[in-house]
């Protein structure tokens, strides 16, 4: 067993942590960070991470940040905010 394996090796957070150790600064991991926060149930972190992605200069990351923010707004019952994220308002 390598040093990257944990007792909770099947969890998304554990796999994300392994990815960060193996590939620090990976843009793929950065766009997945709001999903990991959401899976943990940390909606405040999910919002912060999605908003951060939405402000980046990378078109793909910005699009994903806006989509994550819109999805979170819908889950929280904030239809008007979701529409703002996807450009309907």
N, C-alpha and C. Protein backbone atom coordinates (compact mmCIF):
# COMPACT_ATOMS: atom_id res chain seq x y z
N UNK A 1 0.85 -1.18 0.00
CA UNK A 1 0.00 0.00 0.00
C UNK A 1 0.89 1.24 0.00
N UNK A 2 0.58 2.20 -0.88
CA UNK A 2 1.40 3.40 -0.95
C UNK A 2 1.04 4.36 0.18
N UNK A 3 1.87 5.35 0.36
CA UNK A 3 1.64 6.34 1.41
C UNK A 3 0.42 7.20 1.11
N UNK A 4 -0.06 7.20 -0.13
CA UNK A 4 -1.22 8.02 -0.49
C UNK A 4 -2.54 7.41 -0.05
N UNK A 5 -2.55 6.16 0.32
CA UNK A 5 -3.81 5.52 0.71
C UNK A 5 -4.16 5.87 2.14
N UNK A 6 -5.44 6.04 2.38
CA UNK A 6 -5.92 6.32 3.72
C UNK A 6 -6.91 5.25 4.10
N UNK A 7 -7.32 5.24 5.36
CA UNK A 7 -8.31 4.26 5.79
C UNK A 7 -9.66 4.51 5.13
N UNK A 8 -9.87 5.74 4.65
CA UNK A 8 -11.11 6.10 3.98
C UNK A 8 -10.84 6.30 2.50
N UNK A 9 -10.07 5.39 1.91
CA UNK A 9 -9.57 5.60 0.55
C UNK A 9 -10.66 5.70 -0.52
N UNK A 10 -11.86 5.25 -0.23
CA UNK A 10 -12.92 5.30 -1.21
C UNK A 10 -13.69 6.60 -1.26
N UNK A 11 -13.48 7.49 -0.30
CA UNK A 11 -14.27 8.71 -0.25
C UNK A 11 -13.75 9.73 -1.27
N UNK A 12 -14.64 10.57 -1.72
CA UNK A 12 -14.26 11.62 -2.68
C UNK A 12 -13.22 12.55 -2.07
N UNK A 13 -13.40 12.92 -0.81
CA UNK A 13 -12.46 13.82 -0.17
C UNK A 13 -11.07 13.20 -0.08
N UNK A 14 -11.00 11.91 0.20
CA UNK A 14 -9.70 11.23 0.27
C UNK A 14 -9.04 11.19 -1.10
N UNK A 15 -9.80 10.92 -2.11
CA UNK A 15 -9.25 10.88 -3.46
C UNK A 15 -8.79 12.28 -3.89
N UNK A 16 -9.55 13.28 -3.51
CA UNK A 16 -9.19 14.67 -3.80
C UNK A 16 -7.87 15.02 -3.11
N UNK A 17 -7.72 14.61 -1.85
CA UNK A 17 -6.49 14.87 -1.11
C UNK A 17 -5.29 14.18 -1.76
N UNK A 18 -5.49 12.97 -2.23
CA UNK A 18 -4.41 12.26 -2.93
C UNK A 18 -4.03 13.03 -4.19
N UNK A 19 -5.01 13.47 -4.93
CA UNK A 19 -4.74 14.25 -6.14
C UNK A 19 -3.95 15.51 -5.85
N UNK A 20 -4.31 16.19 -4.76
CA UNK A 20 -3.59 17.41 -4.39
C UNK A 20 -2.14 17.12 -4.01
N UNK A 21 -1.92 16.00 -3.35
CA UNK A 21 -0.53 15.65 -3.00
C UNK A 21 0.27 15.30 -4.24
N UNK A 22 -0.35 14.57 -5.15
CA UNK A 22 0.37 14.13 -6.36
C UNK A 22 0.51 15.23 -7.41
N UNK A 23 -0.48 16.12 -7.48
CA UNK A 23 -0.51 17.14 -8.53
C UNK A 23 -0.90 18.50 -7.94
N UNK A 24 -0.05 19.07 -7.10
CA UNK A 24 -0.42 20.37 -6.48
C UNK A 24 -0.65 21.44 -7.55
N UNK A 25 -1.70 22.22 -7.34
CA UNK A 25 -2.01 23.30 -8.28
C UNK A 25 -2.72 22.86 -9.54
N UNK A 26 -3.15 21.62 -9.60
CA UNK A 26 -3.84 21.13 -10.80
C UNK A 26 -5.14 21.89 -11.03
N UNK A 27 -5.34 22.42 -12.24
CA UNK A 27 -6.59 23.14 -12.51
C UNK A 27 -7.81 22.21 -12.47
N UNK A 28 -7.62 20.95 -12.78
CA UNK A 28 -8.73 19.99 -12.71
C UNK A 28 -9.21 19.87 -11.28
N UNK A 29 -8.28 19.77 -10.34
CA UNK A 29 -8.67 19.65 -8.94
C UNK A 29 -9.33 20.92 -8.43
N UNK A 30 -8.86 22.06 -8.90
CA UNK A 30 -9.45 23.32 -8.44
C UNK A 30 -10.92 23.44 -8.84
N UNK A 31 -11.27 22.99 -10.03
CA UNK A 31 -12.67 23.10 -10.45
C UNK A 31 -13.54 22.05 -9.77
N UNK A 32 -12.93 21.05 -9.16
CA UNK A 32 -13.70 20.05 -8.42
C UNK A 32 -13.89 20.41 -6.96
N UNK A 33 -13.16 21.40 -6.47
CA UNK A 33 -13.21 21.73 -5.05
C UNK A 33 -14.61 22.10 -4.55
N UNK A 34 -15.45 22.82 -5.31
CA UNK A 34 -16.80 23.08 -4.81
C UNK A 34 -17.63 21.80 -4.67
N UNK A 35 -17.38 20.83 -5.52
CA UNK A 35 -18.12 19.57 -5.42
C UNK A 35 -17.76 18.80 -4.16
N UNK A 36 -16.48 18.84 -3.81
CA UNK A 36 -16.03 18.17 -2.59
C UNK A 36 -16.63 18.86 -1.36
N UNK A 37 -16.63 20.19 -1.36
CA UNK A 37 -17.22 20.93 -0.24
C UNK A 37 -18.71 20.62 -0.12
N UNK A 38 -19.40 20.53 -1.25
CA UNK A 38 -20.83 20.21 -1.23
C UNK A 38 -21.06 18.80 -0.69
N UNK A 39 -20.22 17.86 -1.11
CA UNK A 39 -20.35 16.47 -0.64
C UNK A 39 -20.14 16.38 0.87
N UNK A 40 -19.31 17.27 1.42
CA UNK A 40 -19.09 17.32 2.87
C UNK A 40 -20.25 17.99 3.59
N UNK A 41 -21.12 18.65 2.84
CA UNK A 41 -22.23 19.37 3.44
C UNK A 41 -21.89 20.79 3.85
N UNK A 42 -20.76 21.29 3.38
CA UNK A 42 -20.31 22.64 3.73
C UNK A 42 -20.76 23.61 2.63
N UNK A 43 -21.98 24.10 2.77
CA UNK A 43 -22.55 24.96 1.74
C UNK A 43 -21.88 26.33 1.67
N UNK A 44 -21.41 26.83 2.80
CA UNK A 44 -20.72 28.12 2.79
C UNK A 44 -19.41 28.01 2.00
N UNK A 45 -18.66 26.94 2.22
CA UNK A 45 -17.42 26.74 1.46
C UNK A 45 -17.73 26.49 -0.01
N UNK A 46 -18.81 25.77 -0.27
CA UNK A 46 -19.21 25.52 -1.66
C UNK A 46 -19.46 26.85 -2.37
N UNK A 47 -20.17 27.75 -1.72
CA UNK A 47 -20.47 29.06 -2.30
C UNK A 47 -19.18 29.85 -2.52
N UNK A 48 -18.30 29.89 -1.52
CA UNK A 48 -17.05 30.64 -1.65
C UNK A 48 -16.21 30.11 -2.81
N UNK A 49 -16.09 28.79 -2.90
CA UNK A 49 -15.27 28.18 -3.95
C UNK A 49 -15.89 28.39 -5.33
N UNK A 50 -17.21 28.26 -5.43
CA UNK A 50 -17.88 28.47 -6.71
C UNK A 50 -17.74 29.93 -7.15
N UNK A 51 -17.91 30.85 -6.21
CA UNK A 51 -17.78 32.28 -6.53
C UNK A 51 -16.35 32.61 -6.95
N UNK A 52 -15.38 31.99 -6.30
CA UNK A 52 -13.98 32.21 -6.66
C UNK A 52 -13.72 31.73 -8.09
N UNK A 53 -14.23 30.56 -8.43
CA UNK A 53 -14.07 30.06 -9.80
C UNK A 53 -14.76 30.99 -10.80
N UNK A 54 -15.91 31.50 -10.43
CA UNK A 54 -16.68 32.37 -11.34
C UNK A 54 -15.94 33.67 -11.64
N UNK A 55 -15.00 34.05 -10.79
CA UNK A 55 -14.25 35.30 -10.99
C UNK A 55 -12.91 35.08 -11.69
N UNK A 56 -12.56 33.86 -12.00
CA UNK A 56 -11.24 33.59 -12.60
C UNK A 56 -11.21 33.98 -14.07
N UNK A 57 -10.02 34.10 -14.60
CA UNK A 57 -9.88 34.47 -16.01
C UNK A 57 -9.97 33.25 -16.94
N UNK A 58 -9.89 32.06 -16.39
CA UNK A 58 -9.98 30.84 -17.20
C UNK A 58 -11.44 30.59 -17.58
N UNK A 59 -11.73 30.54 -18.87
CA UNK A 59 -13.11 30.41 -19.34
C UNK A 59 -13.81 29.16 -18.82
N UNK A 60 -13.11 28.03 -18.82
CA UNK A 60 -13.71 26.78 -18.37
C UNK A 60 -14.01 26.84 -16.88
N UNK A 61 -13.04 27.29 -16.10
CA UNK A 61 -13.24 27.39 -14.65
C UNK A 61 -14.35 28.38 -14.32
N UNK A 62 -14.38 29.51 -15.04
CA UNK A 62 -15.43 30.51 -14.80
C UNK A 62 -16.81 29.93 -15.11
N UNK A 63 -16.93 29.21 -16.22
CA UNK A 63 -18.22 28.60 -16.58
C UNK A 63 -18.66 27.59 -15.53
N UNK A 64 -17.72 26.78 -15.05
CA UNK A 64 -18.07 25.80 -14.02
C UNK A 64 -18.44 26.50 -12.71
N UNK A 65 -17.71 27.54 -12.35
CA UNK A 65 -18.04 28.29 -11.14
C UNK A 65 -19.44 28.87 -11.20
N UNK A 66 -19.80 29.42 -12.35
CA UNK A 66 -21.15 29.97 -12.51
C UNK A 66 -22.20 28.86 -12.44
N UNK A 67 -21.91 27.73 -13.06
CA UNK A 67 -22.85 26.61 -13.03
C UNK A 67 -23.01 26.05 -11.61
N UNK A 68 -21.89 25.90 -10.90
CA UNK A 68 -21.97 25.42 -9.51
C UNK A 68 -22.74 26.40 -8.65
N UNK A 69 -22.49 27.69 -8.83
CA UNK A 69 -23.21 28.70 -8.06
C UNK A 69 -24.70 28.68 -8.35
N UNK A 70 -25.06 28.52 -9.62
CA UNK A 70 -26.48 28.44 -10.00
C UNK A 70 -27.12 27.21 -9.39
N UNK A 71 -26.44 26.08 -9.46
CA UNK A 71 -26.98 24.84 -8.88
C UNK A 71 -27.18 24.96 -7.38
N UNK A 72 -26.21 25.55 -6.70
CA UNK A 72 -26.34 25.73 -5.26
C UNK A 72 -27.49 26.66 -4.93
N UNK A 73 -27.64 27.72 -5.71
CA UNK A 73 -28.77 28.63 -5.50
C UNK A 73 -30.10 27.91 -5.66
N UNK A 74 -30.20 27.05 -6.64
CA UNK A 74 -31.44 26.29 -6.83
C UNK A 74 -31.71 25.37 -5.65
N UNK A 75 -30.67 24.68 -5.18
CA UNK A 75 -30.81 23.78 -4.03
C UNK A 75 -31.28 24.56 -2.81
N UNK A 76 -30.83 25.80 -2.69
CA UNK A 76 -31.20 26.63 -1.55
C UNK A 76 -32.49 27.41 -1.78
N UNK A 77 -33.17 27.16 -2.88
CA UNK A 77 -34.44 27.82 -3.15
C UNK A 77 -34.32 29.26 -3.59
N UNK A 78 -33.19 29.63 -4.16
CA UNK A 78 -32.95 31.01 -4.58
C UNK A 78 -32.97 31.09 -6.11
N UNK A 79 -34.16 31.00 -6.68
CA UNK A 79 -34.31 30.98 -8.13
C UNK A 79 -33.75 32.24 -8.79
N UNK A 80 -34.03 33.40 -8.24
CA UNK A 80 -33.54 34.65 -8.85
C UNK A 80 -32.01 34.68 -8.89
N UNK A 81 -31.38 34.22 -7.82
CA UNK A 81 -29.91 34.19 -7.80
C UNK A 81 -29.38 33.19 -8.82
N UNK A 82 -30.04 32.05 -8.96
CA UNK A 82 -29.63 31.06 -9.94
C UNK A 82 -29.72 31.63 -11.36
N UNK A 83 -30.79 32.37 -11.62
CA UNK A 83 -30.96 32.98 -12.95
C UNK A 83 -29.86 33.99 -13.23
N UNK A 84 -29.41 34.70 -12.20
CA UNK A 84 -28.31 35.66 -12.38
C UNK A 84 -27.01 34.92 -12.76
N UNK A 85 -26.78 33.79 -12.12
CA UNK A 85 -25.57 33.02 -12.41
C UNK A 85 -25.53 32.51 -13.84
N UNK A 86 -26.68 32.14 -14.36
CA UNK A 86 -26.67 31.58 -15.72
C UNK A 86 -27.05 32.62 -16.78
N UNK A 87 -27.17 33.86 -16.36
CA UNK A 87 -27.35 34.95 -17.30
C UNK A 87 -28.77 35.17 -17.80
N UNK A 88 -29.75 34.69 -17.08
CA UNK A 88 -31.14 34.91 -17.49
C UNK A 88 -31.67 36.24 -17.00
N UNK A 89 -30.97 36.89 -16.09
CA UNK A 89 -31.39 38.20 -15.58
C UNK A 89 -30.27 39.16 -15.65
